[in-house]
C-alpha atoms as a PDB file:
ATOM      1  CA  MET A   1     103.269  83.438  96.170  1.00  0.00           C
ATOM      2  CA  LYS A   2     107.032  81.732  96.103  1.00  0.00           C
ATOM      3  CA  THR A   3     109.560  81.983  98.347  1.00  0.00           C
ATOM      4  CA  LYS A   4     113.136  82.185  97.025  1.00  0.00           C
ATOM      5  CA  HIS A   5     114.832  78.871  98.312  1.00  0.00           C
ATOM      6  CA  SER A   6     117.789  79.768  96.217  1.00  0.00           C
ATOM      7  CA  ASN A   7     118.919  82.525  98.153  1.00  0.00           C
ATOM      8  CA  TYR A   8     120.204  81.027 102.046  1.00  0.00           C
ATOM      9  CA  LEU A   9     119.021  81.632 105.650  1.00  0.00           C
ATOM     10  CA  PHE A  10     119.899  84.565 107.408  1.00  0.00           C
ATOM     11  CA  LEU A  11     119.263  83.858 110.841  1.00  0.00           C
ATOM     12  CA  ILE A  12     118.622  86.841 113.762  1.00  0.00           C
ATOM     13  CA  THR A  13     118.427  86.161 117.376  1.00  0.00           C
ATOM     14  CA  ILE A  14     115.753  87.774 118.777  1.00  0.00           C
ATOM     15  CA  GLY A  15     116.334  87.039 122.400  1.00  0.00           C
ATOM     16  CA  VAL A  16     120.006  86.304 122.991  1.00  0.00           C
ATOM     17  CA  LEU A  17     122.025  86.364 120.078  1.00  0.00           C
ATOM     18  CA  LEU A  18     125.199  84.600 119.335  1.00  0.00           C
ATOM     19  CA  SER A  19     128.053  86.035 118.148  1.00  0.00           C
ATOM     20  CA  PHE A  20     129.052  86.144 114.534  1.00  0.00           C
ATOM     21  CA  ALA A  21     130.959  87.796 111.710  1.00  0.00           C
ATOM     22  CA  SER A  22     130.353  86.835 108.350  1.00  0.00           C
ATOM     23  CA  CYS A  23     127.760  84.663 106.054  1.00  0.00           C
ATOM     24  CA  LYS A  24     128.561  80.866 107.216  1.00  0.00           C
ATOM     25  CA  LYS A  25     127.534  77.507 108.134  1.00  0.00           C
ATOM     26  CA  ASP A  26     127.553  77.546 112.283  1.00  0.00           C
ATOM     27  CA  THR A  27     128.548  74.140 113.493  1.00  0.00           C
ATOM     28  CA  ALA A  28     126.353  74.697 116.476  1.00  0.00           C
ATOM     29  CA  VAL A  29     123.316  73.697 114.841  1.00  0.00           C
ATOM     30  CA  THR A  30     121.321  71.053 117.098  1.00  0.00           C
ATOM     31  CA  ALA A  31     119.522  68.230 115.607  1.00  0.00           C
ATOM     32  CA  ASP A  32     116.001  69.865 115.802  1.00  0.00           C
ATOM     33  CA  GLN A  33     117.546  72.187 112.924  1.00  0.00           C
ATOM     34  CA  THR A  34     118.513  69.053 110.572  1.00  0.00           C
ATOM     35  CA  SER A  35     116.223  70.548 107.755  1.00  0.00           C
ATOM     36  CA  LEU A  36     118.175  74.005 107.744  1.00  0.00           C
ATOM     37  CA  SER A  37     121.801  71.364 107.883  1.00  0.00           C
ATOM     38  CA  ALA A  38     122.183  73.086 104.180  1.00  0.00           C
ATOM     39  CA  SER A  39     121.789  76.196 104.737  1.00  0.00           C
ATOM     40  CA  GLU A  40     123.159  79.106 105.887  1.00  0.00           C
ATOM     41  CA  ALA A  41     122.848  78.883 109.642  1.00  0.00           C
ATOM     42  CA  ILE A  42     123.911  81.784 111.842  1.00  0.00           C
ATOM     43  CA  ALA A  43     122.459  81.963 115.384  1.00  0.00           C
ATOM     44  CA  ILE A  44     120.183  80.029 117.690  1.00  0.00           C
ATOM     45  CA  ALA A  45     117.082  81.150 119.808  1.00  0.00           C
ATOM     46  CA  SER A  46     114.158  80.535 121.649  1.00  0.00           C
ATOM     47  CA  THR A  47     111.031  81.171 120.510  1.00  0.00           C
ATOM     48  CA  ASN A  48     109.798  81.560 124.092  1.00  0.00           C
ATOM     49  CA  SER A  49     110.584  85.728 124.286  1.00  0.00           C
ATOM     50  CA  ILE A  50     107.414  86.356 121.877  1.00  0.00           C
ATOM     51  CA  THR A  51     104.509  87.238 123.285  1.00  0.00           C
ATOM     52  CA  GLY A  52     102.058  84.512 123.589  1.00  0.00           C
ATOM     53  CA  ASN A  53     104.083  81.393 122.481  1.00  0.00           C
ATOM     54  CA  THR A  54     103.641  78.654 124.628  1.00  0.00           C
ATOM     55  CA  SER A  55     104.002  75.735 121.636  1.00  0.00           C
ATOM     56  CA  SER A  56     107.121  75.815 121.494  1.00  0.00           C
ATOM     57  CA  THR A  57     111.341  76.211 122.112  1.00  0.00           C
ATOM     58  CA  ASP A  58     112.245  76.148 118.622  1.00  0.00           C
ATOM     59  CA  SER A  59     114.147  79.421 116.999  1.00  0.00           C
ATOM     60  CA  VAL A  60     112.726  81.972 115.149  1.00  0.00           C
ATOM     61  CA  TYR A  61     115.110  82.840 111.648  1.00  0.00           C
ATOM     62  CA  VAL A  62     114.756  85.515 108.855  1.00  0.00           C
ATOM     63  CA  VAL A  63     115.214  83.940 105.658  1.00  0.00           C
ATOM     64  CA  GLU A  64     116.730  85.461 102.706  1.00  0.00           C
ATOM     65  CA  GLY A  65     119.095  88.340 104.397  1.00  0.00           C
ATOM     66  CA  CYS A  66     122.651  87.068 103.715  1.00  0.00           C
ATOM     67  CA  LYS A  67     123.110  85.197 100.912  1.00  0.00           C
ATOM     68  CA  ARG A  68     126.452  82.796 100.461  1.00  0.00           C
ATOM     69  CA  GLY A  69     129.884  84.761  99.978  1.00  0.00           C
ATOM     70  CA  ASN A  70     128.242  88.459 101.750  1.00  0.00           C
ATOM     71  CA  ASP A  71     129.733  89.252 105.012  1.00  0.00           C
ATOM     72  CA  LYS A  72     127.612  91.210 107.893  1.00  0.00           C
ATOM     73  CA  THR A  73     128.658  93.020 110.340  1.00  0.00           C
ATOM     74  CA  GLU A  74     126.591  93.706 113.820  1.00  0.00           C
ATOM     75  CA  VAL A  75     126.589  97.637 113.985  1.00  0.00           C
ATOM     76  CA  ALA A  76     124.959  99.513 117.128  1.00  0.00           C
ATOM     77  CA  ASN A  77     121.474 101.265 117.595  1.00  0.00           C
ATOM     78  CA  ALA A  78     123.343 104.134 117.961  1.00  0.00           C
ATOM     79  CA  SER A  79     125.088 103.819 114.582  1.00  0.00           C
ATOM     80  CA  LEU A  80     122.327 103.176 112.440  1.00  0.00           C
ATOM     81  CA  SER A  81     121.265 106.081 109.731  1.00  0.00           C
ATOM     82  CA  ALA A  82     118.760 108.843 110.686  1.00  0.00           C
ATOM     83  CA  ALA A  83     116.827 107.507 108.091  1.00  0.00           C
ATOM     84  CA  ILE A  84     116.594 103.939 109.437  1.00  0.00           C
ATOM     85  CA  THR A  85     116.051 105.605 113.068  1.00  0.00           C
ATOM     86  CA  SER A  86     113.612 107.449 111.754  1.00  0.00           C
ATOM     87  CA  TYR A  87     111.534 104.795 109.633  1.00  0.00           C
ATOM     88  CA  LEU A  88     111.148 102.766 112.709  1.00  0.00           C
ATOM     89  CA  SER A  89     110.186 105.180 114.960  1.00  0.00           C
ATOM     90  CA  THR A  90     106.958 106.406 112.536  1.00  0.00           C
ATOM     91  CA  ASN A  91     106.305 102.849 111.525  1.00  0.00           C
ATOM     92  CA  TYR A  92     106.672 100.862 115.224  1.00  0.00           C
ATOM     93  CA  ALA A  93     106.392 103.552 117.796  1.00  0.00           C
ATOM     94  CA  GLY A  94     107.548 102.489 120.895  1.00  0.00           C
ATOM     95  CA  TYR A  95     109.695  99.720 119.409  1.00  0.00           C
ATOM     96  CA  THR A  96     112.398  97.849 121.285  1.00  0.00           C
ATOM     97  CA  PHE A  97     116.552  97.793 119.316  1.00  0.00           C
ATOM     98  CA  LYS A  98     117.027  94.452 119.762  1.00  0.00           C
ATOM     99  CA  LYS A  99     119.868  93.891 116.875  1.00  0.00           C
ATOM    100  CA  ALA A 100     121.275  95.235 113.544  1.00  0.00           C
ATOM    101  CA  PHE A 101     123.425  93.792 110.710  1.00  0.00           C
ATOM    102  CA  SER A 102     125.056  95.480 108.213  1.00  0.00           C
ATOM    103  CA  ILE A 103     125.367  93.088 105.047  1.00  0.00           C
ATOM    104  CA  THR A 104     128.483  93.367 102.785  1.00  0.00           C
ATOM    105  CA  ASN A 105     129.448  92.363  99.226  1.00  0.00           C
ATOM    106  CA  LYS A 106     132.841  90.390  99.504  1.00  0.00           C
ATOM    107  CA  THR A 107     133.063  90.512  95.569  1.00  0.00           C
ATOM    108  CA  THR A 108     133.002  94.213  95.076  1.00  0.00           C
ATOM    109  CA  ASN A 109     133.317  95.078  98.871  1.00  0.00           C
ATOM    110  CA  THR A 110     130.289  97.480  98.752  1.00  0.00           C
ATOM    111  CA  LEU A 111     127.950  97.631 100.897  1.00  0.00           C
ATOM    112  CA  ASP A 112     124.871  95.828 100.038  1.00  0.00           C
ATOM    113  CA  SER A 113     122.229  96.376 102.895  1.00  0.00           C
ATOM    114  CA  TYR A 114     120.985  96.653 106.600  1.00  0.00           C
ATOM    115  CA  ILE A 115     118.801  93.918 108.473  1.00  0.00           C
ATOM    116  CA  VAL A 116     117.553  95.348 111.822  1.00  0.00           C
ATOM    117  CA  ALA A 117     115.736  93.230 114.148  1.00  0.00           C
ATOM    118  CA  ILE A 118     113.105  94.889 116.666  1.00  0.00           C
ATOM    119  CA  LEU A 119     110.571  93.950 119.143  1.00  0.00           C
ATOM    120  CA  PHE A 120     107.072  95.440 118.788  1.00  0.00           C
ATOM    121  CA  ASN A 121     104.595  95.105 120.454  1.00  0.00           C
ATOM    122  CA  SER A 122     106.523  92.127 122.254  1.00  0.00           C
ATOM    123  CA  ASN A 123     106.597  90.688 118.895  1.00  0.00           C
ATOM    124  CA  PRO A 124     109.781  90.368 116.647  1.00  0.00           C
ATOM    125  CA  VAL A 125     110.009  91.905 113.222  1.00  0.00           C
ATOM    126  CA  ALA A 126     112.941  91.997 111.263  1.00  0.00           C
ATOM    127  CA  ILE A 127     113.387  94.857 108.319  1.00  0.00           C
ATOM    128  CA  LYS A 128     115.419  95.245 104.927  1.00  0.00           C
ATOM    129  CA  PHE A 129     116.945  98.458 104.103  1.00  0.00           C
ATOM    130  CA  ASP A 130     119.176  99.403 101.873  1.00  0.00           C
ATOM    131  CA  ALA A 131     122.340 100.977 101.312  1.00  0.00           C
ATOM    132  CA  SER A 132     121.204 104.359 102.141  1.00  0.00           C
ATOM    133  CA  GLY A 133     119.066 103.251 105.033  1.00  0.00           C
ATOM    134  CA  ASN A 134     115.704 103.487 102.806  1.00  0.00           C
ATOM    135  CA  PHE A 135     113.404 100.370 103.469  1.00  0.00           C
ATOM    136  CA  VAL A 136     113.477  97.473 101.143  1.00  0.00           C
ATOM    137  CA  LYS A 137     110.862  95.184 102.384  1.00  0.00           C
ATOM    138  CA  VAL A 138     109.591  92.753 106.095  1.00  0.00           C
ATOM    139  CA  MET A 139     111.338  89.990 106.506  1.00  0.00           C
ATOM    140  CA  GLU A 140     110.040  86.333 106.265  1.00  0.00           C
ATOM    141  CA  LEU A 141     110.540  84.854 110.490  1.00  0.00           C
ATOM    142  CA  ARG A 142     110.069  80.871 110.582  1.00  0.00           C
ATOM    143  CA  GLU A 143     110.946  78.763 113.392  1.00  0.00           C
ATOM    144  CA  GLY A 144     113.524  76.141 112.775  1.00  0.00           C
ATOM    145  CA  HIS A 145     111.140  73.223 111.708  1.00  0.00           C
ATOM    146  CA  GLU A 146     109.334  74.794 109.357  1.00  0.00           C
ATOM    147  CA  PHE A 147     112.160  75.180 106.473  1.00  0.00           C
ATOM    148  CA  ASP A 148     111.707  72.678 104.151  1.00  0.00           C
ATOM    149  CA  PRO A 149     114.513  73.308 101.445  1.00  0.00           C
ATOM    150  CA  GLY A 150     112.414  70.878  98.894  1.00  0.00           C
ATOM    151  CA  ASP A 151     109.361  73.038  98.813  1.00  0.00           C
ATOM    152  CA  ASP A 152     108.760  75.885  96.533  1.00  0.00           C
ATOM    153  CA  LYS A 153     104.902  76.400  96.917  1.00  0.00           C
ATOM    154  CA  GLY A 154     105.926  79.334  99.573  1.00  0.00           C
ATOM    155  CA  PRO A 155     103.697  80.829 102.309  1.00  0.00           C
ATOM    156  CA  HIS A 156     100.410  80.665 101.883  1.00  0.00           C
ATOM    157  CA  ARG A 157      98.110  83.983 101.062  1.00  0.00           C
ATOM    158  CA  GLY A 158      94.904  82.737 102.365  1.00  0.00           C
ATOM    159  CA  LYS A 159      93.797  80.006 100.234  1.00  0.00           C
ATOM    160  CA  GLU A 160      92.628  76.788 102.555  1.00  0.00           C
ATOM    161  CA  HIS A 161      96.084  74.545 102.524  1.00  0.00           C
ATOM    162  CA  ASP A 162      97.115  70.683 104.628  1.00  0.00           C
ATOM    163  CA  GLY A 163      98.318  71.527 107.799  1.00  0.00           C
ATOM    164  CA  ASP A 164     101.288  69.371 107.081  1.00  0.00           C
ATOM    165  CA  ASP A 165     102.126  72.120 104.443  1.00  0.00           C
ATOM    166  CA  HIS A 166     105.379  73.105 106.049  1.00  0.00           C
ATOM    167  CA  GLY A 167     105.343  76.714 107.823  1.00  0.00           C
ATOM    168  CA  ARG A 168     101.368  76.373 108.627  1.00  0.00           C
ATOM    169  CA  HIS A 169     101.479  73.481 110.799  1.00  0.00           C
ATOM    170  CA  LEU A 170      98.350  74.075 113.950  1.00  0.00           C
ATOM    171  CA  GLY A 171      99.674  75.709 116.976  1.00  0.00           C
ATOM    172  CA  ASP A 172     102.954  76.578 115.794  1.00  0.00           C
ATOM    173  CA  LEU A 173     104.108  79.939 115.926  1.00  0.00           C
ATOM    174  CA  PHE A 174     103.037  80.413 112.110  1.00  0.00           C
ATOM    175  CA  GLY A 175     100.578  78.595 112.177  1.00  0.00           C
ATOM    176  CA  HIS A 176      98.288  81.562 111.185  1.00  0.00           C
ATOM    177  CA  ARG A 177      99.633  80.934 108.104  1.00  0.00           C
ATOM    178  CA  ASP A 178      97.228  78.360 106.675  1.00  0.00           C
ATOM    179  CA  GLY A 179      95.214  81.237 105.675  1.00  0.00           C
ATOM    180  CA  LEU A 180      91.907  79.476 108.395  1.00  0.00           C
ATOM    181  CA  ASN A 181      91.710  82.611 109.898  1.00  0.00           C
ATOM    182  CA  ARG A 182      91.782  81.242 113.409  1.00  0.00           C
ATOM    183  CA  ASP A 183      92.253  84.656 114.821  1.00  0.00           C
ATOM    184  CA  THR A 184      89.021  85.813 112.912  1.00  0.00           C
ATOM    185  CA  ILE A 185      86.152  87.042 115.212  1.00  0.00           C
ATOM    186  CA  ALA A 186      82.402  87.706 113.977  1.00  0.00           C
ATOM    187  CA  ILE A 187      81.452  90.610 114.918  1.00  0.00           C
ATOM    188  CA  SER A 188      78.061  88.900 116.834  1.00  0.00           C
ATOM    189  CA  ALA A 189      80.975  87.233 119.036  1.00  0.00           C
ATOM    190  CA  LEU A 190      82.905  90.519 120.131  1.00  0.00           C
ATOM    191  CA  PRO A 191      82.699  90.987 124.306  1.00  0.00           C
ATOM    192  CA  ALA A 192      79.774  93.016 125.436  1.00  0.00           C
ATOM    193  CA  VAL A 193      82.156  95.472 126.529  1.00  0.00           C
ATOM    194  CA  ILE A 194      83.709  95.969 123.292  1.00  0.00           C
ATOM    195  CA  LYS A 195      79.633  96.301 122.271  1.00  0.00           C
ATOM    196  CA  LEU A 196      78.885  99.176 124.862  1.00  0.00           C
ATOM    197  CA  TYR A 197      82.706 100.759 123.996  1.00  0.00           C
ATOM    198  CA  PHE A 198      81.592 101.699 120.794  1.00  0.00           C
ATOM    199  CA  VAL A 199      78.054 102.258 121.129  1.00  0.00           C
ATOM    200  CA  ALA A 200      79.429 104.820 124.146  1.00  0.00           C
ATOM    201  CA  ASN A 201      82.655 106.324 122.214  1.00  0.00           C
ATOM    202  CA  TYR A 202      81.884 106.105 118.283  1.00  0.00           C
ATOM    203  CA  SER A 203      78.246 105.179 117.726  1.00  0.00           C
ATOM    204  CA  ALA A 204      78.142 106.247 114.261  1.00  0.00           C
ATOM    205  CA  ASP A 205      80.783 103.477 113.159  1.00  0.00           C
ATOM    206  CA  THR A 206      79.968 100.454 111.150  1.00  0.00           C
ATOM    207  CA  LEU A 207      81.912  97.646 112.603  1.00  0.00           C
ATOM    208  CA  ALA A 208      83.482  95.717 110.003  1.00  0.00           C
ATOM    209  CA  HIS A 209      86.099  93.208 110.934  1.00  0.00           C
ATOM    210  CA  ALA A 210      87.807  92.134 114.107  1.00  0.00           C
ATOM    211  CA  GLU A 211      90.694  90.377 115.492  1.00  0.00           C
ATOM    212  CA  LYS A 212      92.753  88.274 118.533  1.00  0.00           C
ATOM    213  CA  ASN A 213      96.051  88.664 118.727  1.00  0.00           C
ATOM    214  CA  ARG A 214      98.948  86.358 120.236  1.00  0.00           C
ATOM    215  CA  ASP A 215      98.633  89.000 123.466  1.00  0.00           C
ATOM    216  CA  SER A 216      94.887  88.038 123.231  1.00  0.00           C
ATOM    217  CA  SER A 217      94.640  91.833 122.356  1.00  0.00           C
ATOM    218  CA  THR A 218      91.489  92.728 120.043  1.00  0.00           C
ATOM    219  CA  VAL A 219      92.034  94.568 117.154  1.00  0.00           C
ATOM    220  CA  VAL A 220      88.858  95.849 115.397  1.00  0.00           C
ATOM    221  CA  ILE A 221      87.880  98.061 112.169  1.00  0.00           C
ATOM    222  CA  SER A 222      85.350  99.946 111.847  1.00  0.00           C
ATOM    223  CA  LYS A 223      84.329 102.409 108.782  1.00  0.00           C
ATOM    224  CA  ASN A 224      83.032 106.122 109.540  1.00  0.00           C
ATOM    225  CA  ASN A 225      83.755 108.355 106.747  1.00  0.00           C
ATOM    226  CA  GLY A 226      87.035 106.668 107.235  1.00  0.00           C
ATOM    227  CA  LEU A 227      88.566 103.297 108.434  1.00  0.00           C
ATOM    228  CA  TYR A 228      89.927 102.811 111.682  1.00  0.00           C
ATOM    229  CA  ALA A 229      91.599 100.127 113.944  1.00  0.00           C
ATOM    230  CA  THR A 230      90.257 100.104 117.927  1.00  0.00           C
ATOM    231  CA  ILE A 231      92.473  98.340 119.927  1.00  0.00           C
ATOM    232  CA  PHE A 232      91.491  96.331 123.194  1.00  0.00           C
ATOM    233  CA  ASN A 233      93.747  94.454 125.480  1.00  0.00           C
ATOM    234  CA  LYS A 234      93.170  91.320 126.914  1.00  0.00           C
ATOM    235  CA  SER A 235      91.043  92.588 129.873  1.00  0.00           C
ATOM    236  CA  ASN A 236      89.240  94.180 126.766  1.00  0.00           C
ATOM    237  CA  GLY A 237      90.072  97.836 127.742  1.00  0.00           C
ATOM    238  CA  PHE A 238      90.588 100.420 124.883  1.00  0.00           C
ATOM    239  CA  ILE A 239      94.677 101.149 124.049  1.00  0.00           C
ATOM    240  CA  ARG A 240      94.036 103.349 121.413  1.00  0.00           C
ATOM    241  CA  ARG A 241      92.244 103.616 118.091  1.00  0.00           C
ATOM    242  CA  ASP A 242      93.643 104.815 114.779  1.00  0.00           C
ATOM    243  CA  LYS A 243      92.915 106.445 111.493  1.00  0.00           C
ATOM    244  CA  LEU A 244      94.104 103.992 109.001  1.00  0.00           C
ATOM    245  CA  PRO A 245      95.338 105.426 105.269  1.00  0.00           C
ATOM    246  CA  ALA A 246      92.421 105.378 103.483  1.00  0.00           C
ATOM    247  CA  PRO A 247      90.844 108.798 101.480  1.00  0.00           C
ATOM    248  CA  LYS A 248      87.524 109.470 102.313  1.00  0.00           C
ATOM    249  CA  GLY A 249      84.441 108.000 100.579  1.00  0.00           C
ATOM    250  CA  LYS A 250      82.160 104.859 100.165  1.00  0.00           C
ATOM    251  CA  ASP A 251      83.990 101.870 100.934  1.00  0.00           C
ATOM    252  CA  GLN A 252      83.608  98.344  99.961  1.00  0.00           C
ATOM    253  CA  GLU A 253      84.643  95.419 100.748  1.00  0.00           C
ATOM    254  CA  VAL A 254      86.777  93.602  98.051  1.00  0.00           C
ATOM    255  CA  THR A 255      88.769  90.375  97.544  1.00  0.00           C
ATOM    256  CA  LEU A 256      92.599  89.807  96.910  1.00  0.00           C
ATOM    257  CA  THR A 257      92.486  89.098  93.544  1.00  0.00           C
ATOM    258  CA  SER A 258      90.061  92.023  92.702  1.00  0.00           C
ATOM    259  CA  LEU A 259      93.443  94.299  93.351  1.00  0.00           C
ATOM    260  CA  PRO A 260      95.061  95.756  91.057  1.00  0.00           C
ATOM    261  CA  ALA A 261      98.476  93.283  89.838  1.00  0.00           C
ATOM    262  CA  SER A 262     100.706  95.668  90.782  1.00  0.00           C
ATOM    263  CA  ALA A 263      99.090  95.857  94.454  1.00  0.00           C
ATOM    264  CA  GLN A 264      99.187  92.086  94.272  1.00  0.00           C
ATOM    265  CA  THR A 265     102.688  92.367  93.647  1.00  0.00           C
ATOM    266  CA  TYR A 266     103.855  94.691  95.860  1.00  0.00           C
ATOM    267  CA  LEU A 267     102.084  92.966  98.749  1.00  0.00           C
ATOM    268  CA  THR A 268     104.366  89.708  97.683  1.00  0.00           C
ATOM    269  CA  ASP A 269     107.089  91.413  97.205  1.00  0.00           C
ATOM    270  CA  THR A 270     107.385  93.791 100.255  1.00  0.00           C
ATOM    271  CA  TYR A 271     105.415  91.345 103.180  1.00  0.00           C
ATOM    272  CA  PRO A 272     106.765  87.881 102.371  1.00  0.00           C
ATOM    273  CA  ALA A 273     104.495  85.054 103.870  1.00  0.00           C
ATOM    274  CA  TYR A 274     101.735  87.592 104.487  1.00  0.00           C
ATOM    275  CA  VAL A 275      97.912  86.372 105.128  1.00  0.00           C
ATOM    276  CA  PHE A 276      95.337  88.711 103.551  1.00  0.00           C
ATOM    277  CA  LYS A 277      92.838  89.676 106.098  1.00  0.00           C
ATOM    278  CA  LYS A 278      90.009  92.446 104.881  1.00  0.00           C
ATOM    279  CA  ALA A 279      90.330  94.558 101.995  1.00  0.00           C
ATOM    280  CA  PHE A 280      87.981  97.851 100.583  1.00  0.00           C
ATOM    281  CA  ASN A 281      87.805  99.964  97.905  1.00  0.00           C
ATOM    282  CA  VAL A 282      87.496 103.691  98.549  1.00  0.00           C
ATOM    283  CA  LYS A 283      85.177 105.656  95.902  1.00  0.00           C
ATOM    284  CA  LYS A 284      83.794 108.891  96.255  1.00  0.00           C
ATOM    285  CA  ASP A 285      81.098 109.970  93.619  1.00  0.00           C
ATOM    286  CA  GLY A 286      81.435 106.654  91.819  1.00  0.00           C
ATOM    287  CA  ILE A 287      85.422 107.810  91.344  1.00  0.00           C
ATOM    288  CA  ASN A 288      87.824 104.554  92.645  1.00  0.00           C
ATOM    289  CA  LEU A 289      90.557 106.804  94.753  1.00  0.00           C
ATOM    290  CA  GLY A 290      92.085 103.250  95.971  1.00  0.00           C
ATOM    291  CA  TYR A 291      92.277 100.993  97.873  1.00  0.00           C
ATOM    292  CA  LEU A 292      93.164  99.595 101.520  1.00  0.00           C
ATOM    293  CA  VAL A 293      94.682  95.828 102.798  1.00  0.00           C
ATOM    294  CA  PHE A 294      94.781  94.531 105.846  1.00  0.00           C
ATOM    295  CA  ILE A 295      97.290  91.918 106.468  1.00  0.00           C
ATOM    296  CA  ASP A 296      99.340  89.789 109.066  1.00  0.00           C
ATOM    297  CA  ALA A 297     103.095  89.435 108.039  1.00  0.00           C
ATOM    298  CA  ASN A 298     104.325  87.196 110.378  1.00  0.00           C
ATOM    299  CA  LEU A 299     102.901  88.287 113.707  1.00  0.00           C
ATOM    300  CA  THR A 300     102.815  92.219 113.500  1.00  0.00           C
ATOM    301  CA  LYS A 301      99.601  93.485 111.557  1.00  0.00           C
ATOM    302  CA  TYR A 302      99.796  95.691 108.728  1.00  0.00           C
ATOM    303  CA  ALA A 303      96.699  98.722 106.827  1.00  0.00           C
ATOM    304  CA  VAL A 304      98.676  99.155 103.841  1.00  0.00           C
ATOM    305  CA  GLN A 305      97.152 101.656 101.267  1.00  0.00           C
ATOM    306  CA  PHE A 306      97.405 101.861  97.528  1.00  0.00           C
ATOM    307  CA  ASP A 307      95.896 104.385  94.590  1.00  0.00           C
ATOM    308  CA  ALA A 308      93.633 103.069  92.278  1.00  0.00           C
ATOM    309  CA  SER A 309      96.010 102.189  89.994  1.00  0.00           C
ATOM    310  CA  GLY A 310      97.828 100.298  92.778  1.00  0.00           C
ATOM    311  CA  LYS A 311     100.615 102.365  93.312  1.00  0.00           C
ATOM    312  CA  PHE A 312     101.805 101.723  96.866  1.00  0.00           C
ATOM    313  CA  ILE A 313     100.984 104.849  99.027  1.00  0.00           C
ATOM    314  CA  THR A 314     101.906 104.361 102.672  1.00  0.00           C
ATOM    315  CA  ALA A 315     101.590 101.430 105.208  1.00  0.00           C
ATOM    316  CA  VAL A 316     100.534 101.612 108.572  1.00  0.00           C
ATOM    317  CA  ALA A 317     101.674  98.677 111.550  1.00  0.00           C
ATOM    318  CA  VAL A 318      98.389  98.329 113.195  1.00  0.00           C
ATOM    319  CA  ARG A 319      99.212  95.804 115.869  1.00  0.00           C
END
């Protein structure tokens, strides 16, 4: 999966943001961001505001939001269209609005898109919408030192890489992109209290996958005539249980490369820098009903549903 380095960075502050009006180089870039000096540095914010981050005092950046020659204007939450606010409320329940910007093409003087930064479960999410307020994609996030303009390999999607690759440094905020799945918990290693909870409340479930989040909460994917995500807090207390968007049928685990090409392309285009976790093919009476793919995009986990041909149906932000 390649990251398009021909585009310039659009940097959105996740905490206290600096004011700016156009896509021009920020003269306040610090020595820690020399690797970004050739890019359109816009704003700087500490990663300390992100849940569970103790490894860095760097900044978080949103990649490819604003090309050189475009203008961006800060937009108030109340000024966002109903289409945008409805999408956020539906897909990121309980989110906290941080900042939003309209992107205008200076050459044609026409509105190009919107970039909206929110906090979801205390983690940053940046989302691009088109001029009409329709969802386009979840933007890639990086720490400043992760950006290497000479690297055309792009973020990782599940194969083992050397920890020196940019954006995949062990211990960094987005270090999980090395695809080694250090956040995965073996079902046998789940805390006893979580196992007992399933026995007492969902005894028919077959536990299929478990992960630990940066806030020490746990997500367990299970099967019971459908797929479910059950979430526990850092003390292993039950938070909620979500029905994942998959048809009822026989679920069989499949690999990323087993997915239809159109599904793989959609994931690459819509969730830059995503990490593949699990995928399930759902069949009934031998007929392929579709796929459910569990991914991590930046710091948020998503369940993405496709039909049998690989056409996107819907997605749910799990945690």
